[in-house]
Amino acid sequence: MAGTGRAQSKRTPNDTLIKVLAVLLLLGAQQLSSSAIVFAQGHHTLHPDTRFQKPISEISCWGIPVVTRIGAMTMKGVYLSYVRTDGRAGKSGFRHGDIIVQVNGIEIADTERLKYVLKKLEGGILQIDILRDNGTRYEAKRIPLLSTDQRVATTSGANREAQRFSVQLMEALLYKYIERDRAANGFNTPLKQSIKLSAMARAYADDMARRSFTGHVDPEGKGPAERAKRAGLSPKTYIAENCAYPWHLPSEEEMVAQGERDLIESNEHKVNILNPKNVSVGVGIAIRRDGGLYVVQEFSGDDIP
């Protein structure tokens, strides 16, 4: 019937996307409700590079600078590669995979910028704007950050407590947990504890602690093969490396156990621990500035002394 209809505009996913991104870029002047704004994600790419992963001790996270591409649009932010569930960010509602794009309206392009802004605004009310991929769509959310007095522990206290425990004791515990997991999967013959592999693992853990980086490649681009050669090793079979980064916990046993649990629960790392061709193993642990650990395991099919 003529005259009774209501005019409707045709909207595309890109129209919605542009509007949501505009909201994110103007958050300093506009309010974003606590309920999620959802938009069709379309084609997007996100390739976090773990070589650039950095600890964000202010909120008990690890982050990687990323550029998120959604269709023709791009946005810089910090991808949260790890969120400690009982830490400040975890208790505030942040999750692994969230991308922080703004703090109180200030755009965040990388981890150093995020750490700087968090320190400068400490003590005030912090509203953090994120992108969250729920599997089918992105959500733009604003999450208030818990104040510092609600944190689980301060970094200085974490350091003091962690330093009371010897690295040697923690490495002995790590050997114990490796053999426990292997025995639980049918491997009853203990691996040979290699002094040379341990020296390689310890040197790498110490290097990560000293220069605050993570992953299997150092800032100079050297991986396990190059580090093995530098340590005087020339294996005939292989050297397989695992790295874990457990946060500060009340005891050294809990931290080491968490590191091993993170590895055995990861398919990528579990295959190294349970490789039936393993003969030798070496481990190394170093204490981070925030009281957590760098944990390194080196496995080989060679009988390495």
Protein backbone atom coordinates (compact mmCIF):
# COMPACT_ATOMS: atom_id res chain seq x y z
CA MET A 1 0.00 0.00 0.00
CA ALA A 2 1.45 3.34 -1.02
CA GLY A 3 2.24 5.89 1.64
CA THR A 4 2.38 3.48 4.59
CA GLY A 5 5.90 2.18 4.24
CA ARG A 6 8.93 3.54 6.14
CA ALA A 7 12.08 4.41 4.24
CA GLN A 8 15.02 2.12 5.06
CA SER A 9 18.68 2.63 4.26
CA LYS A 10 20.72 -0.33 3.04
CA ARG A 11 23.68 -1.01 5.36
CA THR A 12 26.70 -3.12 4.59
CA PRO A 13 29.09 -4.76 7.09
CA ASN A 14 31.69 -2.13 6.16
CA ASP A 15 29.31 0.68 7.12
CA THR A 16 28.93 -0.84 10.57
CA LEU A 17 32.67 -1.47 10.84
CA ILE A 18 33.56 2.13 10.00
CA LYS A 19 31.12 3.44 12.59
CA VAL A 20 32.51 1.17 15.32
CA LEU A 21 36.10 2.09 14.50
CA ALA A 22 35.11 5.75 14.60
CA VAL A 23 33.70 5.21 18.08
CA LEU A 24 36.97 3.59 19.17
CA LEU A 25 39.04 6.46 17.80
CA LEU A 26 36.89 9.04 19.58
CA LEU A 27 36.52 7.32 22.93
CA GLY A 28 38.07 10.28 24.67
CA ALA A 29 34.96 12.31 23.83
CA GLN A 30 32.29 9.62 23.85
CA GLN A 31 31.09 7.01 26.29
CA LEU A 32 31.11 3.32 25.43
CA SER A 33 28.60 1.26 27.35
CA SER A 34 29.69 -1.80 29.31
CA SER A 35 27.70 -3.97 26.92
CA ALA A 36 29.60 -5.00 23.81
CA ILE A 37 29.19 -3.31 20.47
CA VAL A 38 29.31 -6.12 17.93
CA PHE A 39 30.10 -5.89 14.25
CA ALA A 40 30.69 -8.35 11.44
CA GLN A 41 34.39 -9.06 11.35
CA GLY A 42 34.62 -10.00 7.68
CA HIS A 43 38.11 -10.91 6.52
CA HIS A 44 40.73 -10.08 9.10
CA THR A 45 44.30 -11.03 9.78
CA LEU A 46 46.23 -10.99 13.03
CA HIS A 47 49.75 -12.36 13.22
CA PRO A 48 51.26 -11.88 16.71
CA ASP A 49 55.04 -12.33 16.58
CA THR A 50 56.22 -13.89 19.86
CA ARG A 51 59.71 -12.49 19.29
CA PHE A 52 58.28 -9.12 20.32
CA GLN A 53 56.37 -10.45 23.34
CA LYS A 54 57.02 -8.35 26.46
CA PRO A 55 55.94 -8.60 30.10
CA ILE A 56 53.48 -5.95 31.27
CA SER A 57 54.04 -6.40 35.00
CA GLU A 58 51.79 -3.43 35.85
CA ILE A 59 48.75 -5.56 35.03
CA SER A 60 50.22 -9.11 35.17
CA CYS A 61 50.11 -9.74 31.43
CA TRP A 62 52.32 -10.36 28.45
CA GLY A 63 51.67 -8.45 25.26
CA ILE A 64 52.66 -8.25 21.60
CA PRO A 65 52.25 -5.12 19.42
CA VAL A 66 49.94 -5.90 16.51
CA VAL A 67 48.20 -4.27 13.60
CA THR A 68 44.73 -5.75 13.21
CA ARG A 69 43.36 -5.73 9.68
CA ILE A 70 39.62 -6.04 9.25
CA GLY A 71 38.66 -5.74 5.63
CA ALA A 72 40.33 -2.56 4.40
CA MET A 73 40.66 -1.08 7.89
CA THR A 74 43.67 -1.32 10.21
CA MET A 75 44.15 -0.59 13.90
CA LYS A 76 47.21 -0.76 16.12
CA GLY A 77 47.09 -2.23 19.59
CA VAL A 78 48.63 -4.67 22.06
CA TYR A 79 47.57 -8.30 21.79
CA LEU A 80 47.46 -9.97 25.23
CA SER A 81 49.35 -13.22 24.70
CA TYR A 82 49.06 -14.21 28.37
CA VAL A 83 46.81 -12.99 31.17
CA ARG A 84 47.38 -14.18 34.71
CA THR A 85 43.90 -15.08 35.90
CA ASP A 86 44.51 -14.07 39.52
CA GLY A 87 46.41 -10.90 38.55
CA ARG A 88 45.20 -7.35 38.12
CA ALA A 89 44.08 -7.65 34.51
CA GLY A 90 42.64 -11.14 34.94
CA LYS A 91 40.54 -10.08 37.90
CA SER A 92 39.37 -7.04 35.92
CA GLY A 93 37.98 -9.29 33.18
CA PHE A 94 40.70 -9.25 30.53
CA ARG A 95 41.34 -12.43 28.52
CA HIS A 96 44.06 -13.97 26.41
CA GLY A 97 43.60 -12.64 22.88
CA ASP A 98 42.14 -9.26 23.83
CA ILE A 99 43.66 -6.34 21.91
CA ILE A 100 44.14 -3.16 23.95
CA VAL A 101 43.66 -0.12 21.70
CA GLN A 102 43.19 2.77 24.13
CA VAL A 103 43.63 3.68 27.81
CA ASN A 104 41.52 6.65 28.94
CA GLY A 105 41.28 7.76 25.32
CA ILE A 106 45.04 7.50 24.67
CA GLU A 107 45.89 5.32 21.69
CA ILE A 108 48.16 2.33 22.40
CA ALA A 109 50.49 1.25 19.60
CA ASP A 110 52.91 -1.07 21.44
CA THR A 111 53.80 -2.56 24.81
CA GLU A 112 56.20 0.24 25.79
CA ARG A 113 53.51 2.83 25.16
CA LEU A 114 51.04 0.79 27.21
CA LYS A 115 53.45 0.47 30.13
CA TYR A 116 54.25 4.19 29.99
CA VAL A 117 50.58 5.22 29.98
CA LEU A 118 49.69 2.82 32.81
CA LYS A 119 52.48 4.27 34.97
CA LYS A 120 51.59 7.89 34.18
CA LEU A 121 47.91 7.36 34.97
CA GLU A 122 48.46 5.12 38.01
CA GLY A 123 46.26 6.05 40.95
CA GLY A 124 43.43 7.36 38.80
CA ILE A 125 40.44 5.64 37.26
CA LEU A 126 41.56 3.65 34.22
CA GLN A 127 39.15 2.74 31.44
CA ILE A 128 40.70 0.38 28.88
CA ASP A 129 39.19 -0.08 25.44
CA ILE A 130 39.72 -3.40 23.70
CA LEU A 131 38.80 -5.44 20.67
CA ARG A 132 37.69 -8.97 21.54
CA ASP A 133 37.26 -11.71 18.95
CA ASN A 134 34.46 -13.99 20.09
CA GLY A 135 35.05 -16.44 17.26
CA THR A 136 32.56 -15.08 14.76
CA ARG A 137 32.55 -11.35 15.43
CA TYR A 138 34.67 -8.68 17.04
CA GLU A 139 33.41 -6.87 20.10
CA ALA A 140 34.44 -3.36 21.11
CA LYS A 141 34.42 -3.19 24.89
CA ARG A 142 35.46 -0.78 27.62
CA ILE A 143 36.74 -2.48 30.79
CA PRO A 144 37.59 -0.61 34.02
CA LEU A 145 40.95 -1.69 35.48
CA LEU A 146 41.18 -2.60 39.15
CA SER A 147 43.16 -0.13 41.26
CA THR A 148 46.66 -1.03 42.40
CA ASP A 149 45.63 -1.76 45.97
CA GLN A 150 43.52 -4.65 44.64
CA ARG A 151 46.50 -6.40 43.04
CA VAL A 152 47.51 -9.84 44.24
CA ALA A 153 51.09 -8.79 44.98
CA THR A 154 53.49 -5.94 44.20
CA THR A 155 56.45 -6.62 41.98
CA SER A 156 58.97 -5.61 44.64
CA GLY A 157 57.43 -8.07 47.11
CA ALA A 158 57.41 -10.76 44.43
CA ASN A 159 61.11 -10.22 43.76
CA ARG A 160 62.05 -10.39 47.43
CA GLU A 161 60.14 -13.62 47.94
CA ALA A 162 61.40 -15.32 44.77
CA GLN A 163 65.01 -14.49 45.58
CA ARG A 164 64.84 -16.59 48.76
CA PHE A 165 64.77 -19.76 46.73
CA SER A 166 67.76 -21.17 44.91
CA VAL A 167 67.64 -21.68 41.18
CA GLN A 168 69.26 -25.07 41.70
CA LEU A 169 66.35 -26.21 43.86
CA MET A 170 63.83 -25.09 41.26
CA GLU A 171 65.73 -26.84 38.48
CA ALA A 172 65.76 -30.05 40.53
CA LEU A 173 61.98 -29.74 40.90
CA LEU A 174 61.62 -29.24 37.16
CA TYR A 175 63.49 -32.48 36.45
CA LYS A 176 61.13 -34.20 38.88
CA TYR A 177 58.02 -32.84 37.12
CA ILE A 178 59.34 -33.78 33.66
CA GLU A 179 59.86 -37.39 34.77
CA ARG A 180 56.48 -37.44 36.48
CA ASP A 181 54.74 -36.41 33.26
CA ARG A 182 56.74 -38.89 31.20
CA ALA A 183 55.95 -41.73 33.62
CA ALA A 184 52.26 -40.83 33.50
CA ASN A 185 52.45 -41.39 29.73
CA GLY A 186 54.23 -44.74 29.86
CA PHE A 187 57.89 -43.70 29.82
CA ASN A 188 59.48 -45.44 32.80
CA THR A 189 63.16 -44.91 31.97
CA PRO A 190 64.40 -41.53 33.25
CA LEU A 191 66.20 -39.26 30.83
CA LYS A 192 69.88 -38.54 31.35
CA GLN A 193 70.39 -35.16 33.02
CA SER A 194 72.92 -33.48 30.76
CA ILE A 195 75.33 -30.92 32.21
CA LYS A 196 75.95 -29.42 28.77
CA LEU A 197 72.28 -29.15 27.85
CA SER A 198 71.60 -27.62 31.27
CA ALA A 199 74.33 -25.03 30.70
CA MET A 200 72.73 -24.15 27.35
CA ALA A 201 69.25 -23.90 28.91
CA ARG A 202 70.47 -21.85 31.89
CA ALA A 203 72.40 -19.44 29.70
CA TYR A 204 69.30 -18.80 27.60
CA ALA A 205 67.02 -18.35 30.63
CA ASP A 206 69.54 -15.87 32.09
CA ASP A 207 69.71 -14.00 28.78
CA MET A 208 65.91 -13.67 28.59
CA ALA A 209 65.81 -12.44 32.19
CA ARG A 210 68.60 -9.93 31.62
CA ARG A 211 67.17 -8.49 28.40
CA SER A 212 63.44 -9.07 29.00
CA PHE A 213 62.52 -11.00 25.86
CA THR A 214 60.77 -14.32 25.22
CA GLY A 215 60.46 -16.98 22.53
CA HIS A 216 62.99 -19.31 20.94
CA VAL A 217 64.88 -16.62 19.02
CA ASP A 218 66.99 -13.96 20.74
CA PRO A 219 67.09 -10.29 19.68
CA GLU A 220 69.99 -11.09 17.34
CA GLY A 221 67.91 -13.72 15.55
CA LYS A 222 69.79 -16.72 17.02
CA GLY A 223 67.72 -19.84 17.65
CA PRO A 224 68.38 -23.15 19.46
CA ALA A 225 70.66 -24.48 16.70
CA GLU A 226 72.96 -21.46 16.87
CA ARG A 227 72.96 -21.46 20.67
CA ALA A 228 73.79 -25.18 20.74
CA LYS A 229 76.77 -24.57 18.49
CA ARG A 230 77.90 -21.69 20.68
CA ALA A 231 77.69 -24.04 23.70
CA GLY A 232 79.99 -26.50 21.91
CA LEU A 233 77.26 -28.99 21.04
CA SER A 234 76.95 -30.73 17.68
CA PRO A 235 74.13 -33.25 18.10
CA LYS A 236 73.78 -36.07 15.60
CA THR A 237 70.01 -36.18 16.03
CA TYR A 238 68.22 -33.09 17.36
CA ILE A 239 67.81 -30.56 20.15
CA ALA A 240 64.21 -29.65 20.94
CA GLU A 241 63.51 -26.65 23.15
CA ASN A 242 60.59 -25.71 25.40
CA CYS A 243 60.16 -22.32 27.10
CA ALA A 244 57.60 -21.32 29.73
CA TYR A 245 57.01 -18.13 31.69
CA PRO A 246 55.07 -18.82 34.91
CA TRP A 247 54.02 -15.80 36.94
CA HIS A 248 54.97 -15.24 40.56
CA LEU A 249 53.21 -17.64 42.94
CA PRO A 250 53.53 -18.14 46.72
CA SER A 251 56.18 -20.86 46.52
CA GLU A 252 58.97 -22.01 44.22
CA GLU A 253 57.30 -25.41 43.86
CA GLU A 254 54.06 -23.85 42.63
CA MET A 255 55.87 -21.69 40.07
CA VAL A 256 57.91 -24.58 38.66
CA ALA A 257 54.85 -26.83 38.64
CA GLN A 258 52.89 -24.15 36.76
CA GLY A 259 55.67 -23.86 34.20
CA GLU A 260 55.67 -27.61 33.55
CA ARG A 261 51.86 -27.66 33.49
CA ASP A 262 51.80 -24.90 30.87
CA LEU A 263 54.14 -26.98 28.70
CA ILE A 264 52.55 -30.42 29.10
CA GLU A 265 49.11 -28.92 28.38
CA SER A 266 50.37 -27.40 25.13
CA ASN A 267 50.40 -29.85 22.23
CA GLU A 268 53.30 -27.99 20.65
CA HIS A 269 55.48 -28.47 23.76
CA LYS A 270 54.08 -31.79 24.96
CA VAL A 271 55.53 -33.60 21.95
CA ASN A 272 59.02 -32.53 23.03
CA ILE A 273 58.57 -33.82 26.58
CA LEU A 274 57.07 -37.12 25.45
CA ASN A 275 59.23 -37.79 22.40
CA PRO A 276 60.14 -41.51 22.65
CA LYS A 277 63.49 -40.76 20.98
CA ASN A 278 64.62 -38.49 23.83
CA VAL A 279 67.78 -39.61 25.60
CA SER A 280 69.09 -36.50 27.36
CA VAL A 281 67.55 -33.44 28.96
CA GLY A 282 68.82 -30.20 30.44
CA VAL A 283 66.90 -27.43 32.19
CA GLY A 284 67.54 -23.84 33.14
CA ILE A 285 65.59 -21.36 35.23
CA ALA A 286 66.01 -17.63 35.80
CA ILE A 287 63.99 -15.24 37.96
CA ARG A 288 62.21 -12.36 36.26
CA ARG A 289 62.10 -8.82 37.60
CA ASP A 290 58.45 -9.30 38.60
CA GLY A 291 59.23 -12.48 40.55
CA GLY A 292 58.02 -14.93 37.91
CA LEU A 293 60.28 -17.34 36.06
CA TYR A 294 61.88 -18.02 32.72
CA VAL A 295 61.86 -21.81 32.32
CA VAL A 296 63.86 -23.53 29.56
CA GLN A 297 64.00 -27.23 28.70
CA GLU A 298 66.39 -28.76 26.14
CA PHE A 299 65.81 -32.34 24.91
CA SER A 300 68.03 -34.41 22.64
CA GLY A 301 68.11 -37.87 21.07
CA ASP A 302 71.88 -37.90 21.71
CA ASP A 303 73.61 -39.11 24.85
CA ILE A 304 75.02 -35.70 25.78
CA PRO A 305 77.18 -35.56 28.95
